[in-house]
Amino acid sequence: MKKIITTAVAGLLLSTAAHAAEPQFFIGAGVAWQEDQIDGGVNKDSQSEAWQGRFGVILNDNHRFSGTYSYKEDDFSAAGDDFKLYQNLFLASYDYMHAIDDAGKFNLFAGLSAGVVNNKFDGNANSDFVWGGQVGAEYRITQKWSTELGYRYLDQDYDEPGHRIGGQYQLDTSHQFYLSVDYRF
């Protein structure tokens, strides 16, 4: 009888834990203010908005995995020439989330990102590995809707010859301040 009760209690506890840890999927959109540090023949920072789409899964109260697509287009002048930078960014991210209230409506997070970026600058296009990290805060508006404010740092290795200005162009780092809205299902 003791074995049956122990097995029943263990089963009940495990099923409750499994139910509490049921993954939640989400999809969302956001906008970011992004600054890219361009060195070499231009030595000018590119600053513009970036539009984002994202999806992912929240495994439990502390662990989130997501994929993000970001698009940026910027026109700027440097050294007497006009330039255009197009950027397509594909990221996979992991975040550790920590609730700062008992209800779990406010969460702080920190995480790592890695992916591929395609930069087209002054007629040259190149895809490179990109990696970095992010920190921020999430507010759960309702059970299904949440909003997020964050900062992301990305390291890039874009290094291409310039067509109009001698030398190389290097795009080394990106900084994003972003705001997004997500829907959980």
C-alpha atoms as a PDB file:
ATOM      1  CA  MET A   1       0.000   0.000   0.000  1.00  0.00           C
ATOM      2  CA  LYS A   2       2.874   2.352   0.821  1.00  0.00           C
ATOM      3  CA  LYS A   3       4.328   1.761  -2.684  1.00  0.00           C
ATOM      4  CA  ILE A   4       0.991   2.596  -4.322  1.00  0.00           C
ATOM      5  CA  ILE A   5       0.582   5.837  -2.350  1.00  0.00           C
ATOM      6  CA  THR A   6       4.199   6.869  -3.036  1.00  0.00           C
ATOM      7  CA  THR A   7       3.782   6.124  -6.750  1.00  0.00           C
ATOM      8  CA  ALA A   8       0.459   8.012  -6.868  1.00  0.00           C
ATOM      9  CA  VAL A   9       1.894  11.068  -5.060  1.00  0.00           C
ATOM     10  CA  ALA A  10       5.016  11.056  -7.278  1.00  0.00           C
ATOM     11  CA  GLY A  11       2.849  10.766 -10.399  1.00  0.00           C
ATOM     12  CA  LEU A  12       0.613  13.613  -9.236  1.00  0.00           C
ATOM     13  CA  LEU A  13       3.604  15.857  -8.484  1.00  0.00           C
ATOM     14  CA  LEU A  14       5.264  15.067 -11.819  1.00  0.00           C
ATOM     15  CA  SER A  15       2.077  15.659 -13.810  1.00  0.00           C
ATOM     16  CA  THR A  16       1.541  18.995 -12.008  1.00  0.00           C
ATOM     17  CA  ALA A  17       5.130  20.019 -12.756  1.00  0.00           C
ATOM     18  CA  ALA A  18       4.766  18.964 -16.391  1.00  0.00           C
ATOM     19  CA  HIS A  19       1.533  20.939 -16.716  1.00  0.00           C
ATOM     20  CA  ALA A  20       3.094  24.026 -15.105  1.00  0.00           C
ATOM     21  CA  ALA A  21       6.036  23.797 -17.501  1.00  0.00           C
ATOM     22  CA  GLU A  22       3.894  23.504 -20.651  1.00  0.00           C
ATOM     23  CA  PRO A  23       5.638  25.482 -23.385  1.00  0.00           C
ATOM     24  CA  GLN A  24       4.015  28.660 -24.691  1.00  0.00           C
ATOM     25  CA  PHE A  25       4.658  29.699 -28.290  1.00  0.00           C
ATOM     26  CA  PHE A  26       4.674  33.346 -29.320  1.00  0.00           C
ATOM     27  CA  ILE A  27       4.814  35.507 -32.412  1.00  0.00           C
ATOM     28  CA  GLY A  28       5.469  39.234 -32.465  1.00  0.00           C
ATOM     29  CA  ALA A  29       6.686  42.364 -34.180  1.00  0.00           C
ATOM     30  CA  GLY A  30       8.826  45.272 -33.149  1.00  0.00           C
ATOM     31  CA  VAL A  31      10.789  48.330 -34.094  1.00  0.00           C
ATOM     32  CA  ALA A  32      14.354  49.165 -33.123  1.00  0.00           C
ATOM     33  CA  TRP A  33      16.687  52.107 -33.270  1.00  0.00           C
ATOM     34  CA  GLN A  34      19.924  50.655 -34.604  1.00  0.00           C
ATOM     35  CA  GLU A  35      23.397  52.109 -34.867  1.00  0.00           C
ATOM     36  CA  ASP A  36      26.063  50.345 -36.948  1.00  0.00           C
ATOM     37  CA  GLN A  37      29.706  51.363 -36.564  1.00  0.00           C
ATOM     38  CA  ILE A  38      31.242  51.665 -40.064  1.00  0.00           C
ATOM     39  CA  ASP A  39      35.001  52.116 -40.256  1.00  0.00           C
ATOM     40  CA  GLY A  40      37.486  52.223 -43.105  1.00  0.00           C
ATOM     41  CA  GLY A  41      36.896  54.489 -46.083  1.00  0.00           C
ATOM     42  CA  VAL A  42      33.757  56.054 -44.570  1.00  0.00           C
ATOM     43  CA  ASN A  43      34.221  56.266 -40.758  1.00  0.00           C
ATOM     44  CA  LYS A  44      30.557  57.072 -40.224  1.00  0.00           C
ATOM     45  CA  ASP A  45      27.940  55.465 -38.006  1.00  0.00           C
ATOM     46  CA  SER A  46      24.738  54.381 -39.711  1.00  0.00           C
ATOM     47  CA  GLN A  47      21.696  55.195 -37.560  1.00  0.00           C
ATOM     48  CA  SER A  48      18.190  54.193 -38.548  1.00  0.00           C
ATOM     49  CA  GLU A  49      15.085  52.303 -37.518  1.00  0.00           C
ATOM     50  CA  ALA A  50      14.980  48.530 -38.008  1.00  0.00           C
ATOM     51  CA  TRP A  51      11.755  46.547 -38.383  1.00  0.00           C
ATOM     52  CA  GLN A  52      11.542  43.170 -36.671  1.00  0.00           C
ATOM     53  CA  GLY A  53       9.453  40.029 -36.785  1.00  0.00           C
ATOM     54  CA  ARG A  54       9.926  37.313 -34.189  1.00  0.00           C
ATOM     55  CA  PHE A  55       8.658  33.951 -33.004  1.00  0.00           C
ATOM     56  CA  GLY A  56       9.645  31.527 -30.304  1.00  0.00           C
ATOM     57  CA  VAL A  57       8.818  29.344 -27.362  1.00  0.00           C
ATOM     58  CA  ILE A  58       8.810  30.047 -23.637  1.00  0.00           C
ATOM     59  CA  LEU A  59       9.701  26.708 -22.044  1.00  0.00           C
ATOM     60  CA  ASN A  60       8.885  27.737 -18.459  1.00  0.00           C
ATOM     61  CA  ASP A  61       9.099  30.779 -16.217  1.00  0.00           C
ATOM     62  CA  ASN A  62      12.839  31.158 -16.818  1.00  0.00           C
ATOM     63  CA  HIS A  63      13.798  29.909 -20.278  1.00  0.00           C
ATOM     64  CA  ARG A  64      12.922  31.393 -23.678  1.00  0.00           C
ATOM     65  CA  PHE A  65      14.173  30.576 -27.194  1.00  0.00           C
ATOM     66  CA  SER A  66      13.370  32.855 -30.125  1.00  0.00           C
ATOM     67  CA  GLY A  67      14.101  33.610 -33.748  1.00  0.00           C
ATOM     68  CA  THR A  68      14.193  37.192 -35.023  1.00  0.00           C
ATOM     69  CA  TYR A  69      14.288  38.705 -38.500  1.00  0.00           C
ATOM     70  CA  SER A  70      15.294  42.366 -38.690  1.00  0.00           C
ATOM     71  CA  TYR A  71      15.427  44.687 -41.721  1.00  0.00           C
ATOM     72  CA  LYS A  72      17.239  48.015 -41.821  1.00  0.00           C
ATOM     73  CA  GLU A  73      17.762  50.504 -44.648  1.00  0.00           C
ATOM     74  CA  ASP A  74      19.761  53.706 -44.175  1.00  0.00           C
ATOM     75  CA  ASP A  75      20.796  56.570 -46.478  1.00  0.00           C
ATOM     76  CA  PHE A  76      23.653  58.783 -45.320  1.00  0.00           C
ATOM     77  CA  SER A  77      26.427  61.017 -46.633  1.00  0.00           C
ATOM     78  CA  ALA A  78      30.132  60.769 -45.870  1.00  0.00           C
ATOM     79  CA  ALA A  79      33.276  62.086 -47.546  1.00  0.00           C
ATOM     80  CA  GLY A  80      31.145  63.989 -50.078  1.00  0.00           C
ATOM     81  CA  ASP A  81      29.328  60.853 -51.317  1.00  0.00           C
ATOM     82  CA  ASP A  82      25.861  59.437 -50.654  1.00  0.00           C
ATOM     83  CA  PHE A  83      25.677  55.872 -49.347  1.00  0.00           C
ATOM     84  CA  LYS A  84      22.955  53.331 -48.729  1.00  0.00           C
ATOM     85  CA  LEU A  85      23.154  50.411 -46.282  1.00  0.00           C
ATOM     86  CA  TYR A  86      20.696  47.517 -46.482  1.00  0.00           C
ATOM     87  CA  GLN A  87      20.767  44.942 -43.718  1.00  0.00           C
ATOM     88  CA  ASN A  88      18.900  41.646 -43.270  1.00  0.00           C
ATOM     89  CA  LEU A  89      19.525  40.030 -39.902  1.00  0.00           C
ATOM     90  CA  PHE A  90      18.496  36.500 -38.852  1.00  0.00           C
ATOM     91  CA  LEU A  91      19.050  35.662 -35.167  1.00  0.00           C
ATOM     92  CA  ALA A  92      18.482  32.700 -32.864  1.00  0.00           C
ATOM     93  CA  SER A  93      18.395  33.730 -29.208  1.00  0.00           C
ATOM     94  CA  TYR A  94      18.211  32.265 -25.730  1.00  0.00           C
ATOM     95  CA  ASP A  95      17.075  34.376 -22.761  1.00  0.00           C
ATOM     96  CA  TYR A  96      17.057  33.647 -19.060  1.00  0.00           C
ATOM     97  CA  MET A  97      13.999  35.373 -17.610  1.00  0.00           C
ATOM     98  CA  HIS A  98      13.497  36.373 -13.988  1.00  0.00           C
ATOM     99  CA  ALA A  99      10.119  37.506 -12.610  1.00  0.00           C
ATOM    100  CA  ILE A 100      10.358  40.572 -10.376  1.00  0.00           C
ATOM    101  CA  ASP A 101       6.803  40.338  -9.033  1.00  0.00           C
ATOM    102  CA  ASP A 102       4.760  37.469  -7.580  1.00  0.00           C
ATOM    103  CA  ALA A 103       2.245  37.459 -10.440  1.00  0.00           C
ATOM    104  CA  GLY A 104       4.938  37.059 -13.114  1.00  0.00           C
ATOM    105  CA  LYS A 105       3.758  40.140 -15.043  1.00  0.00           C
ATOM    106  CA  PHE A 106       7.166  41.880 -14.928  1.00  0.00           C
ATOM    107  CA  ASN A 107      10.242  39.966 -16.074  1.00  0.00           C
ATOM    108  CA  LEU A 108      13.852  40.983 -16.525  1.00  0.00           C
ATOM    109  CA  PHE A 109      15.928  38.991 -18.982  1.00  0.00           C
ATOM    110  CA  ALA A 110      19.449  38.537 -20.276  1.00  0.00           C
ATOM    111  CA  GLY A 111      20.588  36.290 -23.084  1.00  0.00           C
ATOM    112  CA  LEU A 112      22.772  35.406 -26.029  1.00  0.00           C
ATOM    113  CA  SER A 113      22.129  35.652 -29.774  1.00  0.00           C
ATOM    114  CA  ALA A 114      23.844  34.234 -32.838  1.00  0.00           C
ATOM    115  CA  GLY A 115      22.943  34.201 -36.500  1.00  0.00           C
ATOM    116  CA  VAL A 116      23.618  35.503 -39.980  1.00  0.00           C
ATOM    117  CA  VAL A 117      23.598  39.062 -41.267  1.00  0.00           C
ATOM    118  CA  ASN A 118      23.508  40.125 -44.907  1.00  0.00           C
ATOM    119  CA  ASN A 119      24.851  43.631 -45.432  1.00  0.00           C
ATOM    120  CA  LYS A 120      24.714  45.423 -48.765  1.00  0.00           C
ATOM    121  CA  PHE A 121      26.813  48.554 -48.719  1.00  0.00           C
ATOM    122  CA  ASP A 122      28.132  50.658 -51.617  1.00  0.00           C
ATOM    123  CA  GLY A 123      27.333  47.941 -54.152  1.00  0.00           C
ATOM    124  CA  ASN A 124      28.890  45.057 -52.194  1.00  0.00           C
ATOM    125  CA  ALA A 125      26.813  42.376 -50.494  1.00  0.00           C
ATOM    126  CA  ASN A 126      28.200  39.941 -47.975  1.00  0.00           C
ATOM    127  CA  SER A 127      26.740  37.478 -45.465  1.00  0.00           C
ATOM    128  CA  ASP A 128      28.578  37.013 -42.191  1.00  0.00           C
ATOM    129  CA  PHE A 129      28.232  35.344 -38.820  1.00  0.00           C
ATOM    130  CA  VAL A 130      26.934  37.663 -36.117  1.00  0.00           C
ATOM    131  CA  TRP A 131      26.762  37.124 -32.365  1.00  0.00           C
ATOM    132  CA  GLY A 132      26.035  39.106 -29.231  1.00  0.00           C
ATOM    133  CA  GLY A 133      23.765  39.510 -26.267  1.00  0.00           C
ATOM    134  CA  GLN A 134      20.679  41.291 -25.056  1.00  0.00           C
ATOM    135  CA  VAL A 135      19.100  42.548 -21.827  1.00  0.00           C
ATOM    136  CA  GLY A 136      15.691  44.007 -21.166  1.00  0.00           C
ATOM    137  CA  ALA A 137      12.330  43.934 -19.457  1.00  0.00           C
ATOM    138  CA  GLU A 138       9.061  42.280 -20.416  1.00  0.00           C
ATOM    139  CA  TYR A 139       5.591  43.289 -19.227  1.00  0.00           C
ATOM    140  CA  ARG A 140       2.745  40.817 -19.613  1.00  0.00           C
ATOM    141  CA  ILE A 141      -0.315  42.927 -20.489  1.00  0.00           C
ATOM    142  CA  THR A 142      -2.752  39.965 -20.478  1.00  0.00           C
ATOM    143  CA  GLN A 143      -2.382  36.181 -20.554  1.00  0.00           C
ATOM    144  CA  LYS A 144      -1.897  36.353 -24.340  1.00  0.00           C
ATOM    145  CA  TRP A 145      -0.251  39.758 -24.967  1.00  0.00           C
ATOM    146  CA  SER A 146       3.091  41.093 -23.755  1.00  0.00           C
ATOM    147  CA  THR A 147       5.445  43.922 -24.599  1.00  0.00           C
ATOM    148  CA  GLU A 148       9.204  44.089 -24.328  1.00  0.00           C
ATOM    149  CA  LEU A 149      11.826  46.821 -24.149  1.00  0.00           C
ATOM    150  CA  GLY A 150      15.436  45.779 -24.680  1.00  0.00           C
ATOM    151  CA  TYR A 151      18.986  46.514 -25.736  1.00  0.00           C
ATOM    152  CA  ARG A 152      20.992  44.183 -28.027  1.00  0.00           C
ATOM    153  CA  TYR A 153      24.717  44.334 -28.830  1.00  0.00           C
ATOM    154  CA  LEU A 154      25.921  42.462 -31.935  1.00  0.00           C
ATOM    155  CA  ASP A 155      29.435  41.813 -33.202  1.00  0.00           C
ATOM    156  CA  GLN A 156      29.775  41.670 -37.005  1.00  0.00           C
ATOM    157  CA  ASP A 157      32.690  40.978 -39.340  1.00  0.00           C
ATOM    158  CA  TYR A 158      31.707  42.806 -42.551  1.00  0.00           C
ATOM    159  CA  ASP A 159      34.930  43.708 -44.366  1.00  0.00           C
ATOM    160  CA  GLU A 160      34.656  44.570 -48.077  1.00  0.00           C
ATOM    161  CA  PRO A 161      36.525  46.795 -50.565  1.00  0.00           C
ATOM    162  CA  GLY A 162      34.945  50.150 -51.356  1.00  0.00           C
ATOM    163  CA  HIS A 163      33.880  51.070 -54.878  1.00  0.00           C
ATOM    164  CA  ARG A 164      33.899  54.859 -54.589  1.00  0.00           C
ATOM    165  CA  ILE A 165      36.328  55.427 -51.735  1.00  0.00           C
ATOM    166  CA  GLY A 166      39.651  53.593 -51.625  1.00  0.00           C
ATOM    167  CA  GLY A 167      40.311  51.071 -48.919  1.00  0.00           C
ATOM    168  CA  GLN A 168      38.052  48.733 -47.018  1.00  0.00           C
ATOM    169  CA  TYR A 169      34.686  49.158 -45.320  1.00  0.00           C
ATOM    170  CA  GLN A 170      34.322  47.454 -41.979  1.00  0.00           C
ATOM    171  CA  LEU A 171      31.035  47.107 -40.122  1.00  0.00           C
ATOM    172  CA  ASP A 172      32.116  45.876 -36.700  1.00  0.00           C
ATOM    173  CA  THR A 173      29.312  46.383 -34.178  1.00  0.00           C
ATOM    174  CA  SER A 174      25.595  47.061 -33.996  1.00  0.00           C
ATOM    175  CA  HIS A 175      23.585  48.458 -31.113  1.00  0.00           C
ATOM    176  CA  GLN A 176      19.793  48.056 -31.028  1.00  0.00           C
ATOM    177  CA  PHE A 177      17.260  49.569 -28.659  1.00  0.00           C
ATOM    178  CA  TYR A 178      13.984  47.818 -29.429  1.00  0.00           C
ATOM    179  CA  LEU A 179      10.321  47.680 -28.465  1.00  0.00           C
ATOM    180  CA  SER A 180       8.191  44.687 -29.411  1.00  0.00           C
ATOM    181  CA  VAL A 181       4.685  43.306 -28.885  1.00  0.00           C
ATOM    182  CA  ASP A 182       4.116  39.547 -28.704  1.00  0.00           C
ATOM    183  CA  TYR A 183       1.092  37.266 -28.818  1.00  0.00           C
ATOM    184  CA  ARG A 184       1.243  33.927 -26.970  1.00  0.00           C
ATOM    185  CA  PHE A 185      -0.625  30.842 -28.082  1.00  0.00           C
END
